[in-house]
PDB file of N, CA and C in Angstrom:
ATOM      1  N   MET A   1      54.984 148.118 290.566  1.00  0.00           N
ATOM      2  CA  MET A   1      55.090 146.674 290.406  1.00  0.00           C
ATOM      3  C   MET A   1      53.875 146.117 289.666  1.00  0.00           C
ATOM      4  N   ALA A   2      52.689 146.481 290.103  1.00  0.00           N
ATOM      5  CA  ALA A   2      51.471 145.968 289.467  1.00  0.00           C
ATOM      6  C   ALA A   2      51.352 146.470 288.030  1.00  0.00           C
ATOM      7  N   SER A   3      51.758 147.720 287.800  1.00  0.00           N
ATOM      8  CA  SER A   3      51.656 148.249 286.438  1.00  0.00           C
ATOM      9  C   SER A   3      52.656 147.551 285.500  1.00  0.00           C
ATOM     10  N   GLY A   4      53.822 147.201 286.003  1.00  0.00           N
ATOM     11  CA  GLY A   4      54.796 146.467 285.197  1.00  0.00           C
ATOM     12  C   GLY A   4      54.298 145.080 284.832  1.00  0.00           C
ATOM     13  N   LEU A   5      53.647 144.422 285.781  1.00  0.00           N
ATOM     14  CA  LEU A   5      53.068 143.108 285.516  1.00  0.00           C
ATOM     15  C   LEU A   5      51.948 143.210 284.502  1.00  0.00           C
ATOM     16  N   LEU A   6      51.149 144.251 284.606  1.00  0.00           N
ATOM     17  CA  LEU A   6      50.059 144.462 283.656  1.00  0.00           C
ATOM     18  C   LEU A   6      50.611 144.680 282.246  1.00  0.00           C
ATOM     19  N   VAL A   7      51.655 145.465 282.116  1.00  0.00           N
ATOM     20  CA  VAL A   7      52.271 145.712 280.806  1.00  0.00           C
ATOM     21  C   VAL A   7      52.831 144.412 280.234  1.00  0.00           C
ATOM     22  N   LEU A   8      53.496 143.610 281.070  1.00  0.00           N
ATOM     23  CA  LEU A   8      54.040 142.336 280.610  1.00  0.00           C
ATOM     24  C   LEU A   8      52.931 141.402 280.139  1.00  0.00           C
ATOM     25  N   LEU A   9      51.847 141.324 280.878  1.00  0.00           N
ATOM     26  CA  LEU A   9      50.718 140.482 280.470  1.00  0.00           C
ATOM     27  C   LEU A   9      50.119 140.960 279.153  1.00  0.00           C
ATOM     28  N   LEU A  10      50.026 142.259 278.967  1.00  0.00           N
ATOM     29  CA  LEU A  10      49.501 142.793 277.710  1.00  0.00           C
ATOM     30  C   LEU A  10      50.431 142.469 276.542  1.00  0.00           C
ATOM     31  N   LEU A  11      51.734 142.560 276.765  1.00  0.00           N
ATOM     32  CA  LEU A  11      52.694 142.225 275.711  1.00  0.00           C
ATOM     33  C   LEU A  11      52.613 140.752 275.337  1.00  0.00           C
ATOM     34  N   VAL A  12      52.519 139.890 276.331  1.00  0.00           N
ATOM     35  CA  VAL A  12      52.423 138.458 276.072  1.00  0.00           C
ATOM     36  C   VAL A  12      51.151 138.155 275.305  1.00  0.00           C
ATOM     37  N   ASN A  13      50.061 138.764 275.707  1.00  0.00           N
ATOM     38  CA  ASN A  13      48.772 138.515 275.063  1.00  0.00           C
ATOM     39  C   ASN A  13      48.729 139.067 273.643  1.00  0.00           C
ATOM     40  N   SER A  14      49.441 140.139 273.376  1.00  0.00           N
ATOM     41  CA  SER A  14      49.402 140.752 272.050  1.00  0.00           C
ATOM     42  C   SER A  14      50.385 140.108 271.074  1.00  0.00           C
ATOM     43  N   GLY A  15      51.280 139.263 271.586  1.00  0.00           N
ATOM     44  CA  GLY A  15      52.248 138.611 270.713  1.00  0.00           C
ATOM     45  C   GLY A  15      53.532 139.399 270.548  1.00  0.00           C
ATOM     46  N   LEU A  16      53.686 140.503 271.240  1.00  0.00           N
ATOM     47  CA  LEU A  16      54.901 141.313 271.133  1.00  0.00           C
ATOM     48  C   LEU A  16      55.981 140.874 272.107  1.00  0.00           C
ATOM     49  N   ALA A  17      55.642 140.065 273.077  1.00  0.00           N
ATOM     50  CA  ALA A  17      56.594 139.671 274.106  1.00  0.00           C
ATOM     51  C   ALA A  17      57.817 138.946 273.559  1.00  0.00           C
ATOM     52  N   PRO A  18      57.712 138.051 272.580  1.00  0.00           N
ATOM     53  CA  PRO A  18      58.925 137.376 272.119  1.00  0.00           C
ATOM     54  C   PRO A  18      60.019 138.333 271.675  1.00  0.00           C
ATOM     55  N   ALA A  19      59.680 139.401 271.009  1.00  0.00           N
ATOM     56  CA  ALA A  19      60.684 140.371 270.574  1.00  0.00           C
ATOM     57  C   ALA A  19      61.272 141.111 271.761  1.00  0.00           C
ATOM     58  N   VAL A  20      60.495 141.284 272.814  1.00  0.00           N
ATOM     59  CA  VAL A  20      60.952 141.997 273.995  1.00  0.00           C
ATOM     60  C   VAL A  20      61.758 141.079 274.902  1.00  0.00           C
ATOM     61  N   LEU A  21      61.375 139.816 275.008  1.00  0.00           N
ATOM     62  CA  LEU A  21      61.966 138.917 275.980  1.00  0.00           C
ATOM     63  C   LEU A  21      63.218 138.195 275.494  1.00  0.00           C
ATOM     64  N   GLY A  22      63.574 138.254 274.216  1.00  0.00           N
ATOM     65  CA  GLY A  22      64.830 137.679 273.770  1.00  0.00           C
ATOM     66  C   GLY A  22      64.699 136.509 272.831  1.00  0.00           C
ATOM     67  N   SER A  23      65.322 135.372 273.196  1.00  0.00           N
ATOM     68  CA  SER A  23      65.480 134.255 272.269  1.00  0.00           C
ATOM     69  C   SER A  23      64.173 133.591 271.860  1.00  0.00           C
ATOM     70  N   GLU A  24      63.076 133.893 272.486  1.00  0.00           N
ATOM     71  CA  GLU A  24      61.795 133.302 272.111  1.00  0.00           C
ATOM     72  C   GLU A  24      61.358 133.736 270.715  1.00  0.00           C
ATOM     73  N   ASP A  25      61.952 134.798 270.159  1.00  0.00           N
ATOM     74  CA  ASP A  25      61.573 135.221 268.808  1.00  0.00           C
ATOM     75  C   ASP A  25      62.103 134.255 267.747  1.00  0.00           C
ATOM     76  N   CYS A  26      62.903 133.271 268.146  1.00  0.00           N
ATOM     77  CA  CYS A  26      63.371 132.243 267.222  1.00  0.00           C
ATOM     78  C   CYS A  26      62.290 131.207 266.946  1.00  0.00           C
ATOM     79  N   TRP A  27      61.269 131.147 267.753  1.00  0.00           N
ATOM     80  CA  TRP A  27      60.239 130.117 267.664  1.00  0.00           C
ATOM     81  C   TRP A  27      58.984 130.657 266.999  1.00  0.00           C
ATOM     82  N   VAL A  28      58.424 129.871 266.083  1.00  0.00           N
ATOM     83  CA  VAL A  28      57.178 130.236 265.402  1.00  0.00           C
ATOM     84  C   VAL A  28      56.161 129.119 265.615  1.00  0.00           C
ATOM     85  N   ASP A  29      54.907 129.491 265.726  1.00  0.00           N
ATOM     86  CA  ASP A  29      53.837 128.515 265.934  1.00  0.00           C
ATOM     87  C   ASP A  29      53.618 127.692 264.679  1.00  0.00           C
ATOM     88  N   ASP A  30      53.422 126.409 264.871  1.00  0.00           N
ATOM     89  CA  ASP A  30      53.113 125.503 263.762  1.00  0.00           C
ATOM     90  C   ASP A  30      51.900 124.673 264.165  1.00  0.00           C
ATOM     91  N   ARG A  31      50.749 125.132 263.765  1.00  0.00           N
ATOM     92  CA  ARG A  31      49.516 124.419 264.104  1.00  0.00           C
ATOM     93  C   ARG A  31      48.908 123.794 262.849  1.00  0.00           C
ATOM     94  N   VAL A  32      49.756 123.467 261.880  1.00  0.00           N
ATOM     95  CA  VAL A  32      49.289 122.923 260.604  1.00  0.00           C
ATOM     96  C   VAL A  32      48.939 121.441 260.737  1.00  0.00           C
ATOM     97  N   ASP A  33      49.870 120.637 261.245  1.00  0.00           N
ATOM     98  CA  ASP A  33      49.668 119.191 261.298  1.00  0.00           C
ATOM     99  C   ASP A  33      48.830 118.752 262.496  1.00  0.00           C
ATOM    100  N   ASP A  34      49.103 119.290 263.654  1.00  0.00           N
ATOM    101  CA  ASP A  34      48.390 118.909 264.875  1.00  0.00           C
ATOM    102  C   ASP A  34      47.930 120.157 265.609  1.00  0.00           C
ATOM    103  N   VAL A  35      46.696 120.131 266.049  1.00  0.00           N
ATOM    104  CA  VAL A  35      46.185 121.255 266.837  1.00  0.00           C
ATOM    105  C   VAL A  35      46.764 121.197 268.240  1.00  0.00           C
ATOM    106  N   VAL A  36      46.892 119.986 268.801  1.00  0.00           N
ATOM    107  CA  VAL A  36      47.437 119.795 270.141  1.00  0.00           C
ATOM    108  C   VAL A  36      48.736 119.004 270.022  1.00  0.00           C
ATOM    109  N   CYS A  37      49.786 119.500 270.637  1.00  0.00           N
ATOM    110  CA  CYS A  37      51.090 118.840 270.608  1.00  0.00           C
ATOM    111  C   CYS A  37      51.156 117.829 271.756  1.00  0.00           C
ATOM    112  N   THR A  38      51.217 116.544 271.421  1.00  0.00           N
ATOM    113  CA  THR A  38      51.264 115.513 272.450  1.00  0.00           C
ATOM    114  C   THR A  38      52.634 114.862 272.563  1.00  0.00           C
ATOM    115  N   LYS A  39      53.424 114.883 271.507  1.00  0.00           N
ATOM    116  CA  LYS A  39      54.756 114.274 271.512  1.00  0.00           C
ATOM    117  C   LYS A  39      55.774 115.238 270.922  1.00  0.00           C
ATOM    118  N   THR A  40      56.818 115.533 271.682  1.00  0.00           N
ATOM    119  CA  THR A  40      57.852 116.442 271.209  1.00  0.00           C
ATOM    120  C   THR A  40      58.547 115.888 269.966  1.00  0.00           C
ATOM    121  N   ASP A  41      58.789 114.585 269.933  1.00  0.00           N
ATOM    122  CA  ASP A  41      59.458 113.990 268.761  1.00  0.00           C
ATOM    123  C   ASP A  41      58.640 114.184 267.492  1.00  0.00           C
ATOM    124  N   ARG A  42      57.340 114.020 267.589  1.00  0.00           N
ATOM    125  CA  ARG A  42      56.472 114.206 266.414  1.00  0.00           C
ATOM    126  C   ARG A  42      56.501 115.668 265.956  1.00  0.00           C
ATOM    127  N   CYS A  43      56.498 116.585 266.918  1.00  0.00           N
ATOM    128  CA  CYS A  43      56.573 118.013 266.597  1.00  0.00           C
ATOM    129  C   CYS A  43      57.896 118.321 265.898  1.00  0.00           C
ATOM    130  N   ARG A  44      58.992 117.762 266.412  1.00  0.00           N
ATOM    131  CA  ARG A  44      60.305 117.988 265.797  1.00  0.00           C
ATOM    132  C   ARG A  44      60.341 117.488 264.360  1.00  0.00           C
ATOM    133  N   ARG A  45      59.819 116.284 264.140  1.00  0.00           N
ATOM    134  CA  ARG A  45      59.801 115.730 262.777  1.00  0.00           C
ATOM    135  C   ARG A  45      58.963 116.598 261.843  1.00  0.00           C
ATOM    136  N   SER A  46      57.832 117.075 262.345  1.00  0.00           N
ATOM    137  CA  SER A  46      56.965 117.935 261.537  1.00  0.00           C
ATOM    138  C   SER A  46      57.680 119.232 261.171  1.00  0.00           C
ATOM    139  N   CYS A  47      58.360 119.824 262.147  1.00  0.00           N
ATOM    140  CA  CYS A  47      59.068 121.084 261.903  1.00  0.00           C
ATOM    141  C   CYS A  47      60.212 120.899 260.908  1.00  0.00           C
ATOM    142  N   VAL A  48      60.982 119.833 261.079  1.00  0.00           N
ATOM    143  CA  VAL A  48      62.081 119.561 260.146  1.00  0.00           C
ATOM    144  C   VAL A  48      61.522 119.340 258.747  1.00  0.00           C
ATOM    145  N   GLY A  49      60.379 118.674 258.653  1.00  0.00           N
ATOM    146  CA  GLY A  49      59.731 118.464 257.364  1.00  0.00           C
ATOM    147  C   GLY A  49      59.271 119.749 256.707  1.00  0.00           C
ATOM    148  N   HIS A  50      59.015 120.776 257.524  1.00  0.00           N
ATOM    149  CA  HIS A  50      58.607 122.078 256.995  1.00  0.00           C
ATOM    150  C   HIS A  50      59.798 123.009 256.773  1.00  0.00           C
ATOM    151  N   GLY A  51      61.029 122.506 256.982  1.00  0.00           N
ATOM    152  CA  GLY A  51      62.223 123.297 256.714  1.00  0.00           C
ATOM    153  C   GLY A  51      62.765 124.060 257.906  1.00  0.00           C
ATOM    154  N   PHE A  52      62.273 123.768 259.107  1.00  0.00           N
ATOM    155  CA  PHE A  52      62.784 124.419 260.309  1.00  0.00           C
ATOM    156  C   PHE A  52      63.877 123.558 260.924  1.00  0.00           C
ATOM    157  N   GLU A  53      64.606 124.125 261.887  1.00  0.00           N
ATOM    158  CA  GLU A  53      65.731 123.436 262.502  1.00  0.00           C
ATOM    159  C   GLU A  53      65.307 122.464 263.597  1.00  0.00           C
ATOM    160  N   ASP A  54      64.294 122.807 264.385  1.00  0.00           N
ATOM    161  CA  ASP A  54      63.902 122.001 265.539  1.00  0.00           C
ATOM    162  C   ASP A  54      62.445 122.286 265.875  1.00  0.00           C
ATOM    163  N   GLY A  55      61.897 121.531 266.810  1.00  0.00           N
ATOM    164  CA  GLY A  55      60.526 121.745 267.243  1.00  0.00           C
ATOM    165  C   GLY A  55      60.364 121.410 268.711  1.00  0.00           C
ATOM    166  N   ARG A  56      59.332 121.954 269.325  1.00  0.00           N
ATOM    167  CA  ARG A  56      59.044 121.686 270.732  1.00  0.00           C
ATOM    168  C   ARG A  56      57.550 121.831 270.985  1.00  0.00           C
ATOM    169  N   CYS A  57      57.084 121.172 272.025  1.00  0.00           N
ATOM    170  CA  CYS A  57      55.716 121.381 272.494  1.00  0.00           C
ATOM    171  C   CYS A  57      55.764 122.544 273.483  1.00  0.00           C
ATOM    172  N   GLN A  58      54.979 123.550 273.244  1.00  0.00           N
ATOM    173  CA  GLN A  58      54.980 124.755 274.069  1.00  0.00           C
ATOM    174  C   GLN A  58      53.589 124.975 274.632  1.00  0.00           C
ATOM    175  N   TRP A  59      53.534 125.318 275.907  1.00  0.00           N
ATOM    176  CA  TRP A  59      52.249 125.675 276.477  1.00  0.00           C
ATOM    177  C   TRP A  59      52.429 126.604 277.646  1.00  0.00           C
ATOM    178  N   GLY A  60      51.395 127.275 277.987  1.00  0.00           N
ATOM    179  CA  GLY A  60      51.384 128.251 279.056  1.00  0.00           C
ATOM    180  C   GLY A  60      50.225 129.202 278.849  1.00  0.00           C
ATOM    181  N   PHE A  61      50.027 130.081 279.799  1.00  0.00           N
ATOM    182  CA  PHE A  61      48.920 131.024 279.735  1.00  0.00           C
ATOM    183  C   PHE A  61      49.068 131.904 278.502  1.00  0.00           C
ATOM    184  N   PRO A  62      48.059 132.160 277.739  1.00  0.00           N
ATOM    185  CA  PRO A  62      46.641 131.830 277.875  1.00  0.00           C
ATOM    186  C   PRO A  62      46.257 130.523 277.196  1.00  0.00           C
ATOM    187  N   ASP A  63      47.216 129.789 276.631  1.00  0.00           N
ATOM    188  CA  ASP A  63      46.901 128.525 275.956  1.00  0.00           C
ATOM    189  C   ASP A  63      46.766 127.410 276.983  1.00  0.00           C
ATOM    190  N   LEU A  64      45.640 126.733 276.969  1.00  0.00           N
ATOM    191  CA  LEU A  64      45.396 125.662 277.925  1.00  0.00           C
ATOM    192  C   LEU A  64      45.926 124.315 277.445  1.00  0.00           C
ATOM    193  N   LEU A  65      46.159 124.186 276.151  1.00  0.00           N
ATOM    194  CA  LEU A  65      46.682 122.952 275.577  1.00  0.00           C
ATOM    195  C   LEU A  65      48.011 123.230 274.880  1.00  0.00           C
ATOM    196  N   PRO A  66      48.965 122.291 274.955  1.00  0.00           N
ATOM    197  CA  PRO A  66      50.250 122.503 274.287  1.00  0.00           C
ATOM    198  C   PRO A  66      50.106 122.507 272.771  1.00  0.00           C
ATOM    199  N   TYR A  67      50.937 123.300 272.117  1.00  0.00           N
ATOM    200  CA  TYR A  67      50.959 123.367 270.662  1.00  0.00           C
ATOM    201  C   TYR A  67      52.409 123.312 270.199  1.00  0.00           C
ATOM    202  N   CYS A  68      52.586 122.951 268.945  1.00  0.00           N
ATOM    203  CA  CYS A  68      53.921 122.778 268.383  1.00  0.00           C
ATOM    204  C   CYS A  68      54.503 124.132 267.963  1.00  0.00           C
ATOM    205  N   GLN A  69      55.757 124.362 268.318  1.00  0.00           N
ATOM    206  CA  GLN A  69      56.497 125.535 267.864  1.00  0.00           C
ATOM    207  C   GLN A  69      57.755 125.055 267.157  1.00  0.00           C
ATOM    208  N   CYS A  70      58.102 125.739 266.076  1.00  0.00           N
ATOM    209  CA  CYS A  70      59.294 125.394 265.300  1.00  0.00           C
ATOM    210  C   CYS A  70      60.341 126.498 265.443  1.00  0.00           C
ATOM    211  N   ARG A  71      61.613 126.076 265.525  1.00  0.00           N
ATOM    212  CA  ARG A  71      62.710 127.041 265.633  1.00  0.00           C
ATOM    213  C   ARG A  71      63.249 127.357 264.251  1.00  0.00           C
ATOM    214  N   ARG A  72      63.381 128.641 263.977  1.00  0.00           N
ATOM    215  CA  ARG A  72      63.942 129.085 262.697  1.00  0.00           C
ATOM    216  C   ARG A  72      65.390 128.632 262.578  1.00  0.00           C
ATOM    217  N   SER A  73      65.807 128.333 261.380  1.00  0.00           N
ATOM    218  CA  SER A  73      67.159 127.815 261.167  1.00  0.00           C
ATOM    219  C   SER A  73      68.241 128.876 261.350  1.00  0.00           C
ATOM    220  N   ASP A  74      67.878 130.149 261.318  1.00  0.00           N
ATOM    221  CA  ASP A  74      68.878 131.204 261.481  1.00  0.00           C
ATOM    222  C   ASP A  74      69.123 131.560 262.942  1.00  0.00           C
ATOM    223  N   CYS A  75      68.484 130.868 263.888  1.00  0.00           N
ATOM    224  CA  CYS A  75      68.690 131.106 265.320  1.00  0.00           C
ATOM    225  C   CYS A  75      69.588 130.009 265.879  1.00  0.00           C
ATOM    226  N   HIS A  76      70.438 130.384 266.807  1.00  0.00           N
ATOM    227  CA  HIS A  76      71.398 129.430 267.350  1.00  0.00           C
ATOM    228  C   HIS A  76      71.256 129.280 268.853  1.00  0.00           C
ATOM    229  N   THR A  77      70.017 129.267 269.354  1.00  0.00           N
ATOM    230  CA  THR A  77      69.791 129.069 270.781  1.00  0.00           C
ATOM    231  C   THR A  77      69.507 127.604 271.043  1.00  0.00           C
ATOM    232  N   LYS A  78      69.757 127.168 272.257  1.00  0.00           N
ATOM    233  CA  LYS A  78      69.514 125.777 272.615  1.00  0.00           C
ATOM    234  C   LYS A  78      68.011 125.538 272.740  1.00  0.00           C
ATOM    235  N   ALA A  79      67.539 124.395 272.248  1.00  0.00           N
ATOM    236  CA  ALA A  79      66.115 124.043 272.294  1.00  0.00           C
ATOM    237  C   ALA A  79      65.691 123.753 273.723  1.00  0.00           C
ATOM    238  N   THR A  80      64.577 124.361 274.119  1.00  0.00           N
ATOM    239  CA  THR A  80      63.979 124.081 275.415  1.00  0.00           C
ATOM    240  C   THR A  80      62.499 123.909 275.216  1.00  0.00           C
ATOM    241  N   GLY A  81      61.873 123.289 276.160  1.00  0.00           N
ATOM    242  CA  GLY A  81      60.428 123.115 276.053  1.00  0.00           C
ATOM    243  C   GLY A  81      59.972 121.917 276.843  1.00  0.00           C
ATOM    244  N   ALA A  82      58.699 121.674 276.819  1.00  0.00           N
ATOM    245  CA  ALA A  82      58.118 120.559 277.544  1.00  0.00           C
ATOM    246  C   ALA A  82      58.605 119.248 276.939  1.00  0.00           C
ATOM    247  N   SER A  83      58.825 118.287 277.794  1.00  0.00           N
ATOM    248  CA  SER A  83      59.261 116.982 277.303  1.00  0.00           C
ATOM    249  C   SER A  83      58.068 116.058 277.134  1.00  0.00           C
ATOM    250  N   ASP A  84      58.325 114.890 276.548  1.00  0.00           N
ATOM    251  CA  ASP A  84      57.248 113.920 276.300  1.00  0.00           C
ATOM    252  C   ASP A  84      56.599 113.487 277.586  1.00  0.00           C
TER     253      ASP A  84
END
């Protein structure tokens, strides 16, 4: 159990987890316009302006502040994420 958790934490930290965990590989980080994502609507507008389908404010360990993620247009998963 502990070794499985350790492997998962290493994957998340290395950036390989999205490919392992599924639909999260549809989302790409967009830290061009804002370093900290404070409004989901602003993130969505920024992502659409960059040619992506949708945007969300995403945060969690190890990131202490939310950042904007954009969904690729070739993915057809429902948008989820932190709300305003």
